[in-house]
């Protein structure tokens, strides 16, 4: 499960499908210098996205990937 406290770099490494979804939503985490130190919550806020909605979408992507 992806939480708001995961660092962006860890998300990119462990959940590439979620990182791809973030890119679709306007967050190019893989090329951002902040990815090394920021949390997912930091990135979501910086991009003006809704935290709870984004977490729900990312975890749905993981769930679909498991099926």
PDB file of N, CA and C in Angstrom:
ATOM      1  N   UNK A   1       0.837  -1.178   0.000  1.00  0.00           N
ATOM      2  CA  UNK A   1       0.000   0.000   0.000  1.00  0.00           C
ATOM      3  C   UNK A   1       0.886   1.246   0.000  1.00  0.00           C
ATOM      4  N   UNK A   2       0.529   2.187  -0.830  1.00  0.00           N
ATOM      5  CA  UNK A   2       1.250   3.450  -0.915  1.00  0.00           C
ATOM      6  C   UNK A   2       0.644   4.422   0.092  1.00  0.00           C
ATOM      7  N   UNK A   3       1.514   5.070   0.862  1.00  0.00           N
ATOM      8  CA  UNK A   3       1.062   6.056   1.834  1.00  0.00           C
ATOM      9  C   UNK A   3       1.684   7.413   1.513  1.00  0.00           C
ATOM     10  N   UNK A   4       1.181   8.451   2.152  1.00  0.00           N
ATOM     11  CA  UNK A   4       1.664   9.807   1.911  1.00  0.00           C
ATOM     12  C   UNK A   4       3.112   9.993   2.350  1.00  0.00           C
ATOM     13  N   UNK A   5       3.613   9.132   3.216  1.00  0.00           N
ATOM     14  CA  UNK A   5       4.949   9.287   3.784  1.00  0.00           C
ATOM     15  C   UNK A   5       6.065   8.629   2.980  1.00  0.00           C
ATOM     16  N   UNK A   6       5.723   7.894   1.932  1.00  0.00           N
ATOM     17  CA  UNK A   6       6.755   7.258   1.112  1.00  0.00           C
ATOM     18  C   UNK A   6       7.545   8.350   0.383  1.00  0.00           C
ATOM     19  N   UNK A   7       8.849   8.175   0.293  1.00  0.00           N
ATOM     20  CA  UNK A   7       9.631   9.151  -0.472  1.00  0.00           C
ATOM     21  C   UNK A   7       9.366   8.909  -1.954  1.00  0.00           C
ATOM     22  N   UNK A   8       9.491   9.975  -2.723  1.00  0.00           N
ATOM     23  CA  UNK A   8       9.236   9.843  -4.157  1.00  0.00           C
ATOM     24  C   UNK A   8      10.208   8.884  -4.811  1.00  0.00           C
ATOM     25  N   UNK A   9      11.462   8.899  -4.383  1.00  0.00           N
ATOM     26  CA  UNK A   9      12.452   8.001  -4.977  1.00  0.00           C
ATOM     27  C   UNK A   9      12.112   6.531  -4.677  1.00  0.00           C
ATOM     28  N   UNK A  10      11.641   6.265  -3.486  1.00  0.00           N
ATOM     29  CA  UNK A  10      11.244   4.891  -3.133  1.00  0.00           C
ATOM     30  C   UNK A  10      10.018   4.474  -3.938  1.00  0.00           C
ATOM     31  N   UNK A  11       9.085   5.372  -4.124  1.00  0.00           N
ATOM     32  CA  UNK A  11       7.898   5.071  -4.923  1.00  0.00           C
ATOM     33  C   UNK A  11       8.303   4.724  -6.357  1.00  0.00           C
ATOM     34  N   UNK A  12       9.198   5.521  -6.924  1.00  0.00           N
ATOM     35  CA  UNK A  12       9.662   5.283  -8.295  1.00  0.00           C
ATOM     36  C   UNK A  12      10.330   3.921  -8.407  1.00  0.00           C
ATOM     37  N   UNK A  13      11.150   3.578  -7.430  1.00  0.00           N
ATOM     38  CA  UNK A  13      11.887   2.312  -7.468  1.00  0.00           C
ATOM     39  C   UNK A  13      10.998   1.101  -7.215  1.00  0.00           C
ATOM     40  N   UNK A  14      10.082   1.202  -6.252  1.00  0.00           N
ATOM     41  CA  UNK A  14       9.289   0.038  -5.856  1.00  0.00           C
ATOM     42  C   UNK A  14       7.961  -0.094  -6.590  1.00  0.00           C
ATOM     43  N   UNK A  15       7.439   1.012  -7.090  1.00  0.00           N
ATOM     44  CA  UNK A  15       6.133   1.001  -7.747  1.00  0.00           C
ATOM     45  C   UNK A  15       6.172   1.785  -9.053  1.00  0.00           C
ATOM     46  N   UNK A  16       6.901   1.303 -10.047  1.00  0.00           N
ATOM     47  CA  UNK A  16       7.020   2.055 -11.302  1.00  0.00           C
ATOM     48  C   UNK A  16       5.677   2.317 -11.979  1.00  0.00           C
ATOM     49  N   UNK A  17       4.714   1.426 -11.779  1.00  0.00           N
ATOM     50  CA  UNK A  17       3.391   1.641 -12.374  1.00  0.00           C
ATOM     51  C   UNK A  17       2.681   2.822 -11.726  1.00  0.00           C
ATOM     52  N   UNK A  18       2.923   3.039 -10.443  1.00  0.00           N
ATOM     53  CA  UNK A  18       2.348   4.202  -9.755  1.00  0.00           C
ATOM     54  C   UNK A  18       3.060   5.475 -10.206  1.00  0.00           C
ATOM     55  N   UNK A  19       4.373   5.392 -10.409  1.00  0.00           N
ATOM     56  CA  UNK A  19       5.118   6.554 -10.906  1.00  0.00           C
ATOM     57  C   UNK A  19       4.628   6.943 -12.292  1.00  0.00           C
ATOM     58  N   UNK A  20       4.304   5.955 -13.117  1.00  0.00           N
ATOM     59  CA  UNK A  20       3.768   6.239 -14.458  1.00  0.00           C
ATOM     60  C   UNK A  20       2.421   6.947 -14.351  1.00  0.00           C
ATOM     61  N   UNK A  21       1.613   6.535 -13.402  1.00  0.00           N
ATOM     62  CA  UNK A  21       0.310   7.179 -13.196  1.00  0.00           C
ATOM     63  C   UNK A  21       0.496   8.624 -12.744  1.00  0.00           C
ATOM     64  N   UNK A  22       1.465   8.861 -11.855  1.00  0.00           N
ATOM     65  CA  UNK A  22       1.742  10.229 -11.422  1.00  0.00           C
ATOM     66  C   UNK A  22       2.162  11.093 -12.608  1.00  0.00           C
ATOM     67  N   UNK A  23       2.953  10.524 -13.512  1.00  0.00           N
ATOM     68  CA  UNK A  23       3.368  11.269 -14.698  1.00  0.00           C
ATOM     69  C   UNK A  23       2.157  11.672 -15.521  1.00  0.00           C
ATOM     70  N   UNK A  24       1.199  10.762 -15.661  1.00  0.00           N
ATOM     71  CA  UNK A  24      -0.045  11.075 -16.380  1.00  0.00           C
ATOM     72  C   UNK A  24      -0.796  12.222 -15.705  1.00  0.00           C
ATOM     73  N   UNK A  25      -0.636  12.338 -14.393  1.00  0.00           N
ATOM     74  CA  UNK A  25      -1.331  13.361 -13.614  1.00  0.00           C
ATOM     75  C   UNK A  25      -0.535  14.668 -13.532  1.00  0.00           C
ATOM     76  N   UNK A  26       0.619  14.722 -14.205  1.00  0.00           N
ATOM     77  CA  UNK A  26       1.406  15.944 -14.247  1.00  0.00           C
ATOM     78  C   UNK A  26       2.593  15.998 -13.313  1.00  0.00           C
ATOM     79  N   UNK A  27       2.898  14.887 -12.667  1.00  0.00           N
ATOM     80  CA  UNK A  27       4.047  14.831 -11.759  1.00  0.00           C
ATOM     81  C   UNK A  27       5.141  13.958 -12.376  1.00  0.00           C
ATOM     82  N   UNK A  28       6.163  14.577 -12.913  1.00  0.00           N
ATOM     83  CA  UNK A  28       7.277  13.841 -13.533  1.00  0.00           C
ATOM     84  C   UNK A  28       8.354  13.561 -12.494  1.00  0.00           C
ATOM     85  N   UNK A  29       8.031  12.724 -11.537  1.00  0.00           N
ATOM     86  CA  UNK A  29       8.900  12.464 -10.386  1.00  0.00           C
ATOM     87  C   UNK A  29      10.269  11.929 -10.770  1.00  0.00           C
ATOM     88  N   UNK A  30      10.337  11.141 -11.813  1.00  0.00           N
ATOM     89  CA  UNK A  30      11.597  10.500 -12.176  1.00  0.00           C
ATOM     90  C   UNK A  30      12.664  11.505 -12.609  1.00  0.00           C
ATOM     91  N   UNK A  31      12.257  12.679 -13.040  1.00  0.00           N
ATOM     92  CA  UNK A  31      13.224  13.683 -13.490  1.00  0.00           C
ATOM     93  C   UNK A  31      13.298  14.884 -12.552  1.00  0.00           C
ATOM     94  N   UNK A  32      12.645  14.800 -11.409  1.00  0.00           N
ATOM     95  CA  UNK A  32      12.603  15.914 -10.469  1.00  0.00           C
ATOM     96  C   UNK A  32      13.712  15.780  -9.426  1.00  0.00           C
ATOM     97  N   UNK A  33      14.411  16.866  -9.190  1.00  0.00           N
ATOM     98  CA  UNK A  33      15.471  16.854  -8.176  1.00  0.00           C
ATOM     99  C   UNK A  33      14.910  16.616  -6.769  1.00  0.00           C
ATOM    100  N   UNK A  34      13.678  17.009  -6.521  1.00  0.00           N
ATOM    101  CA  UNK A  34      13.072  16.833  -5.209  1.00  0.00           C
ATOM    102  C   UNK A  34      12.744  15.396  -4.880  1.00  0.00           C
ATOM    103  N   UNK A  35      12.730  14.534  -5.884  1.00  0.00           N
ATOM    104  CA  UNK A  35      12.346  13.139  -5.665  1.00  0.00           C
ATOM    105  C   UNK A  35      13.253  12.425  -4.670  1.00  0.00           C
ATOM    106  N   UNK A  36      14.485  12.877  -4.555  1.00  0.00           N
ATOM    107  CA  UNK A  36      15.428  12.216  -3.650  1.00  0.00           C
ATOM    108  C   UNK A  36      15.107  12.459  -2.184  1.00  0.00           C
ATOM    109  N   UNK A  37      14.439  13.563  -1.893  1.00  0.00           N
ATOM    110  CA  UNK A  37      14.217  13.889  -0.487  1.00  0.00           C
ATOM    111  C   UNK A  37      12.760  14.147  -0.116  1.00  0.00           C
ATOM    112  N   UNK A  38      11.907  14.416  -1.086  1.00  0.00           N
ATOM    113  CA  UNK A  38      10.515  14.736  -0.779  1.00  0.00           C
ATOM    114  C   UNK A  38       9.670  13.482  -0.617  1.00  0.00           C
ATOM    115  N   UNK A  39       8.613  13.641   0.180  1.00  0.00           N
ATOM    116  CA  UNK A  39       7.636  12.563   0.303  1.00  0.00           C
ATOM    117  C   UNK A  39       6.587  12.728  -0.781  1.00  0.00           C
ATOM    118  N   UNK A  40       5.790  11.703  -0.951  1.00  0.00           N
ATOM    119  CA  UNK A  40       4.693  11.771  -1.896  1.00  0.00           C
ATOM    120  C   UNK A  40       3.756  12.924  -1.535  1.00  0.00           C
ATOM    121  N   UNK A  41       3.498  13.097  -0.251  1.00  0.00           N
ATOM    122  CA  UNK A  41       2.644  14.197   0.193  1.00  0.00           C
ATOM    123  C   UNK A  41       3.219  15.548  -0.236  1.00  0.00           C
ATOM    124  N   UNK A  42       4.524  15.735  -0.086  1.00  0.00           N
ATOM    125  CA  UNK A  42       5.166  16.983  -0.497  1.00  0.00           C
ATOM    126  C   UNK A  42       4.937  17.245  -1.986  1.00  0.00           C
ATOM    127  N   UNK A  43       5.167  16.225  -2.788  1.00  0.00           N
ATOM    128  CA  UNK A  43       5.005  16.358  -4.238  1.00  0.00           C
ATOM    129  C   UNK A  43       3.577  16.643  -4.647  1.00  0.00           C
ATOM    130  N   UNK A  44       2.646  15.944  -4.022  1.00  0.00           N
ATOM    131  CA  UNK A  44       1.228  16.144  -4.337  1.00  0.00           C
ATOM    132  C   UNK A  44       0.821  17.577  -4.011  1.00  0.00           C
ATOM    133  N   UNK A  45       1.236  18.060  -2.850  1.00  0.00           N
ATOM    134  CA  UNK A  45       0.896  19.433  -2.461  1.00  0.00           C
ATOM    135  C   UNK A  45       1.540  20.445  -3.406  1.00  0.00           C
ATOM    136  N   UNK A  46       2.785  20.203  -3.796  1.00  0.00           N
ATOM    137  CA  UNK A  46       3.495  21.125  -4.686  1.00  0.00           C
ATOM    138  C   UNK A  46       2.819  21.230  -6.051  1.00  0.00           C
ATOM    139  N   UNK A  47       2.145  20.161  -6.444  1.00  0.00           N
ATOM    140  CA  UNK A  47       1.474  20.147  -7.746  1.00  0.00           C
ATOM    141  C   UNK A  47      -0.013  20.465  -7.653  1.00  0.00           C
ATOM    142  N   UNK A  48      -0.477  20.790  -6.459  1.00  0.00           N
ATOM    143  CA  UNK A  48      -1.874  21.205  -6.289  1.00  0.00           C
ATOM    144  C   UNK A  48      -2.883  20.091  -6.449  1.00  0.00           C
ATOM    145  N   UNK A  49      -2.462  18.859  -6.226  1.00  0.00           N
ATOM    146  CA  UNK A  49      -3.385  17.723  -6.327  1.00  0.00           C
ATOM    147  C   UNK A  49      -3.992  17.420  -4.963  1.00  0.00           C
ATOM    148  N   UNK A  50      -5.104  16.717  -4.978  1.00  0.00           N
ATOM    149  CA  UNK A  50      -5.776  16.307  -3.745  1.00  0.00           C
ATOM    150  C   UNK A  50      -5.077  15.064  -3.196  1.00  0.00           C
ATOM    151  N   UNK A  51      -4.617  15.138  -1.961  1.00  0.00           N
ATOM    152  CA  UNK A  51      -3.850  14.049  -1.352  1.00  0.00           C
ATOM    153  C   UNK A  51      -4.633  12.748  -1.295  1.00  0.00           C
ATOM    154  N   UNK A  52      -5.802  12.769  -0.692  1.00  0.00           N
ATOM    155  CA  UNK A  52      -6.583  11.537  -0.520  1.00  0.00           C
ATOM    156  C   UNK A  52      -6.989  10.928  -1.858  1.00  0.00           C
ATOM    157  N   UNK A  53      -7.392  11.764  -2.795  1.00  0.00           N
ATOM    158  CA  UNK A  53      -7.808  11.272  -4.109  1.00  0.00           C
ATOM    159  C   UNK A  53      -6.630  10.642  -4.852  1.00  0.00           C
ATOM    160  N   UNK A  54      -5.468  11.282  -4.776  1.00  0.00           N
ATOM    161  CA  UNK A  54      -4.282  10.761  -5.457  1.00  0.00           C
ATOM    162  C   UNK A  54      -3.837   9.435  -4.847  1.00  0.00           C
ATOM    163  N   UNK A  55      -3.842   9.333  -3.530  1.00  0.00           N
ATOM    164  CA  UNK A  55      -3.488   8.069  -2.872  1.00  0.00           C
ATOM    165  C   UNK A  55      -4.448   6.959  -3.287  1.00  0.00           C
ATOM    166  N   UNK A  56      -5.731   7.281  -3.364  1.00  0.00           N
ATOM    167  CA  UNK A  56      -6.729   6.292  -3.780  1.00  0.00           C
ATOM    168  C   UNK A  56      -6.443   5.801  -5.202  1.00  0.00           C
ATOM    169  N   UNK A  57      -6.148   6.726  -6.105  1.00  0.00           N
ATOM    170  CA  UNK A  57      -5.853   6.370  -7.496  1.00  0.00           C
ATOM    171  C   UNK A  57      -4.611   5.490  -7.575  1.00  0.00           C
ATOM    172  N   UNK A  58      -3.553   5.869  -6.866  1.00  0.00           N
ATOM    173  CA  UNK A  58      -2.308   5.095  -6.926  1.00  0.00           C
ATOM    174  C   UNK A  58      -2.486   3.692  -6.363  1.00  0.00           C
ATOM    175  N   UNK A  59      -3.215   3.563  -5.279  1.00  0.00           N
ATOM    176  CA  UNK A  59      -3.432   2.237  -4.704  1.00  0.00           C
ATOM    177  C   UNK A  59      -4.359   1.397  -5.576  1.00  0.00           C
ATOM    178  N   UNK A  60      -5.270   2.025  -6.321  1.00  0.00           N
ATOM    179  CA  UNK A  60      -6.097   1.287  -7.281  1.00  0.00           C
ATOM    180  C   UNK A  60      -5.236   0.754  -8.418  1.00  0.00           C
ATOM    181  N   UNK A  61      -4.244   1.543  -8.839  1.00  0.00           N
ATOM    182  CA  UNK A  61      -3.310   1.087  -9.884  1.00  0.00           C
ATOM    183  C   UNK A  61      -2.577  -0.164  -9.396  1.00  0.00           C
ATOM    184  N   UNK A  62      -2.118  -0.156  -8.159  1.00  0.00           N
ATOM    185  CA  UNK A  62      -1.426  -1.334  -7.609  1.00  0.00           C
ATOM    186  C   UNK A  62      -2.349  -2.534  -7.543  1.00  0.00           C
ATOM    187  N   UNK A  63      -3.581  -2.304  -7.121  1.00  0.00           N
ATOM    188  CA  UNK A  63      -4.543  -3.397  -7.005  1.00  0.00           C
ATOM    189  C   UNK A  63      -4.807  -4.025  -8.369  1.00  0.00           C
ATOM    190  N   UNK A  64      -4.977  -3.190  -9.402  1.00  0.00           N
ATOM    191  CA  UNK A  64      -5.211  -3.707 -10.756  1.00  0.00           C
ATOM    192  C   UNK A  64      -4.008  -4.489 -11.255  1.00  0.00           C
ATOM    193  N   UNK A  65      -2.815  -4.023 -10.894  1.00  0.00           N
ATOM    194  CA  UNK A  65      -1.592  -4.677 -11.320  1.00  0.00           C
ATOM    195  C   UNK A  65      -1.446  -6.062 -10.710  1.00  0.00           C
ATOM    196  N   UNK A  66      -2.026  -6.264  -9.509  1.00  0.00           N
ATOM    197  CA  UNK A  66      -1.955  -7.553  -8.814  1.00  0.00           C
ATOM    198  C   UNK A  66      -2.923  -8.569  -9.387  1.00  0.00           C
ATOM    199  N   UNK A  67      -3.968  -8.086 -10.054  1.00  0.00           N
ATOM    200  CA  UNK A  67      -5.011  -8.996 -10.556  1.00  0.00           C
ATOM    201  C   UNK A  67      -4.601  -9.756 -11.788  1.00  0.00           C
TER     202      UNK A  67
END
